[in-house]
Amino acid sequence: MLKKALNQGLIVLGIVFILAMIINSITPIEMFSVSAQISYATFFIVYVGLMYMKNIKKSKS
């Protein structure tokens, strides 16, 4: 279940990075600054945790 959550998290993080690259090329917003990287890592950890808990609840019922 953790592997499934990690895979889902990596897919979503990849989509977020692709969108960030597109936005970064169009606008002068700093999408890859240090604070943005911390936000991406935090988002990944929270997303994987939530998906893991969702998968556990789904498997119990």
N, C-alpha and C. Protein backbone atom coordinates (compact mmCIF):
# COMPACT_ATOMS: atom_id res chain seq x y z
N MET A 1 0.80 -1.19 0.00
CA MET A 1 0.00 0.00 0.00
C MET A 1 0.85 1.26 0.00
N LEU A 2 1.96 1.22 0.72
CA LEU A 2 2.85 2.38 0.73
C LEU A 2 3.45 2.58 -0.66
N LYS A 3 3.77 1.49 -1.34
CA LYS A 3 4.33 1.60 -2.68
C LYS A 3 3.33 2.24 -3.64
N LYS A 4 2.06 1.87 -3.50
CA LYS A 4 1.01 2.46 -4.34
C LYS A 4 0.88 3.95 -4.06
N ALA A 5 0.93 4.33 -2.79
CA ALA A 5 0.83 5.74 -2.42
C ALA A 5 2.03 6.52 -2.94
N LEU A 6 3.21 5.93 -2.85
CA LEU A 6 4.41 6.60 -3.38
C LEU A 6 4.32 6.79 -4.88
N ASN A 7 3.86 5.77 -5.59
CA ASN A 7 3.71 5.89 -7.04
C ASN A 7 2.72 6.97 -7.41
N GLN A 8 1.59 7.02 -6.71
CA GLN A 8 0.60 8.06 -6.97
C GLN A 8 1.20 9.44 -6.68
N GLY A 9 1.93 9.55 -5.60
CA GLY A 9 2.57 10.82 -5.23
C GLY A 9 3.58 11.27 -6.25
N LEU A 10 4.37 10.34 -6.78
CA LEU A 10 5.35 10.70 -7.79
C LEU A 10 4.69 11.15 -9.09
N ILE A 11 3.59 10.52 -9.45
CA ILE A 11 2.86 10.93 -10.65
C ILE A 11 2.33 12.35 -10.49
N VAL A 12 1.71 12.62 -9.34
CA VAL A 12 1.16 13.95 -9.09
C VAL A 12 2.29 14.98 -9.01
N LEU A 13 3.40 14.64 -8.38
CA LEU A 13 4.52 15.56 -8.28
C LEU A 13 5.10 15.84 -9.66
N GLY A 14 5.15 14.84 -10.52
CA GLY A 14 5.61 15.05 -11.90
C GLY A 14 4.71 16.01 -12.65
N ILE A 15 3.41 15.86 -12.47
CA ILE A 15 2.45 16.78 -13.12
C ILE A 15 2.65 18.20 -12.59
N VAL A 16 2.85 18.32 -11.28
CA VAL A 16 3.08 19.64 -10.68
C VAL A 16 4.35 20.27 -11.24
N PHE A 17 5.42 19.49 -11.39
CA PHE A 17 6.67 20.02 -11.93
C PHE A 17 6.51 20.44 -13.39
N ILE A 18 5.77 19.66 -14.18
CA ILE A 18 5.54 20.04 -15.57
C ILE A 18 4.77 21.35 -15.64
N LEU A 19 3.73 21.47 -14.83
CA LEU A 19 2.98 22.74 -14.78
C LEU A 19 3.87 23.89 -14.31
N ALA A 20 4.73 23.64 -13.34
CA ALA A 20 5.63 24.68 -12.84
C ALA A 20 6.60 25.13 -13.93
N MET A 21 7.10 24.20 -14.73
CA MET A 21 8.00 24.57 -15.82
C MET A 21 7.28 25.41 -16.87
N ILE A 22 6.04 25.04 -17.17
CA ILE A 22 5.26 25.82 -18.14
C ILE A 22 4.99 27.22 -17.61
N ILE A 23 4.56 27.31 -16.35
CA ILE A 23 4.29 28.61 -15.74
C ILE A 23 5.56 29.44 -15.66
N ASN A 24 6.68 28.80 -15.33
CA ASN A 24 7.95 29.51 -15.20
C ASN A 24 8.42 30.07 -16.54
N SER A 25 8.12 29.37 -17.64
CA SER A 25 8.54 29.88 -18.95
C SER A 25 7.64 31.01 -19.44
N ILE A 26 6.39 31.06 -18.95
CA ILE A 26 5.45 32.09 -19.39
C ILE A 26 5.56 33.35 -18.53
N THR A 27 5.67 33.18 -17.23
CA THR A 27 5.68 34.31 -16.30
C THR A 27 7.01 34.37 -15.56
N PRO A 28 7.35 35.52 -15.01
CA PRO A 28 8.61 35.64 -14.27
C PRO A 28 8.53 35.17 -12.82
N ILE A 29 7.53 34.34 -12.49
CA ILE A 29 7.40 33.84 -11.12
C ILE A 29 8.51 32.82 -10.86
N GLU A 30 9.12 32.89 -9.70
CA GLU A 30 10.19 31.94 -9.34
C GLU A 30 9.57 30.66 -8.82
N MET A 31 9.41 29.68 -9.70
CA MET A 31 8.78 28.41 -9.32
C MET A 31 9.79 27.40 -8.76
N PHE A 32 11.09 27.70 -8.89
CA PHE A 32 12.10 26.75 -8.44
C PHE A 32 13.05 27.35 -7.42
N SER A 33 12.57 28.32 -6.67
CA SER A 33 13.38 28.90 -5.60
C SER A 33 13.45 27.91 -4.43
N VAL A 34 14.24 28.24 -3.43
CA VAL A 34 14.40 27.34 -2.28
C VAL A 34 13.08 27.16 -1.54
N SER A 35 12.33 28.24 -1.36
CA SER A 35 11.06 28.12 -0.65
C SER A 35 10.06 27.30 -1.46
N ALA A 36 10.10 27.41 -2.78
CA ALA A 36 9.22 26.61 -3.62
C ALA A 36 9.59 25.13 -3.53
N GLN A 37 10.88 24.83 -3.49
CA GLN A 37 11.32 23.43 -3.37
C GLN A 37 10.85 22.84 -2.04
N ILE A 38 10.90 23.62 -0.99
CA ILE A 38 10.41 23.15 0.32
C ILE A 38 8.92 22.89 0.24
N SER A 39 8.20 23.77 -0.45
CA SER A 39 6.75 23.58 -0.61
C SER A 39 6.45 22.32 -1.39
N TYR A 40 7.21 22.04 -2.46
CA TYR A 40 7.01 20.82 -3.25
C TYR A 40 7.25 19.58 -2.39
N ALA A 41 8.32 19.60 -1.60
CA ALA A 41 8.64 18.45 -0.75
C ALA A 41 7.55 18.24 0.30
N THR A 42 7.07 19.33 0.90
CA THR A 42 6.01 19.24 1.90
C THR A 42 4.73 18.71 1.27
N PHE A 43 4.39 19.22 0.09
CA PHE A 43 3.21 18.75 -0.62
C PHE A 43 3.31 17.25 -0.90
N PHE A 44 4.49 16.78 -1.34
CA PHE A 44 4.69 15.37 -1.65
C PHE A 44 4.49 14.51 -0.41
N ILE A 45 5.08 14.91 0.70
CA ILE A 45 4.98 14.13 1.93
C ILE A 45 3.53 14.06 2.42
N VAL A 46 2.84 15.20 2.40
CA VAL A 46 1.45 15.23 2.85
C VAL A 46 0.57 14.41 1.92
N TYR A 47 0.78 14.55 0.61
CA TYR A 47 -0.03 13.81 -0.37
C TYR A 47 0.16 12.31 -0.22
N VAL A 48 1.40 11.86 -0.08
CA VAL A 48 1.67 10.43 0.08
C VAL A 48 1.05 9.92 1.38
N GLY A 49 1.15 10.71 2.45
CA GLY A 49 0.54 10.31 3.72
C GLY A 49 -0.97 10.16 3.61
N LEU A 50 -1.60 11.14 2.96
CA LEU A 50 -3.05 11.07 2.80
C LEU A 50 -3.47 9.89 1.92
N MET A 51 -2.76 9.65 0.85
CA MET A 51 -3.09 8.53 -0.04
C MET A 51 -2.87 7.19 0.68
N TYR A 52 -1.84 7.13 1.51
CA TYR A 52 -1.57 5.90 2.26
C TYR A 52 -2.72 5.63 3.24
N MET A 53 -3.16 6.68 3.95
CA MET A 53 -4.27 6.50 4.88
C MET A 53 -5.55 6.13 4.13
N LYS A 54 -5.77 6.73 2.97
CA LYS A 54 -6.95 6.41 2.18
C LYS A 54 -6.90 4.95 1.72
N ASN A 55 -5.73 4.49 1.30
CA ASN A 55 -5.60 3.09 0.85
C ASN A 55 -5.81 2.10 2.00
N ILE A 56 -5.34 2.45 3.20
CA ILE A 56 -5.54 1.59 4.36
C ILE A 56 -7.03 1.48 4.69
N LYS A 57 -7.72 2.63 4.70
CA LYS A 57 -9.17 2.62 4.99
C LYS A 57 -9.93 1.83 3.93
N LYS A 58 -9.50 1.97 2.70
CA LYS A 58 -10.18 1.28 1.58
C LYS A 58 -10.00 -0.24 1.69
N SER A 59 -8.81 -0.66 2.12
CA SER A 59 -8.55 -2.10 2.21
C SER A 59 -9.26 -2.74 3.41
N LYS A 60 -9.51 -1.98 4.47
CA LYS A 60 -10.19 -2.52 5.65
C LYS A 60 -11.67 -2.73 5.42
N SER A 61 -12.25 -1.91 4.54
CA SER A 61 -13.71 -2.04 4.32
C SER A 61 -14.04 -2.96 3.17
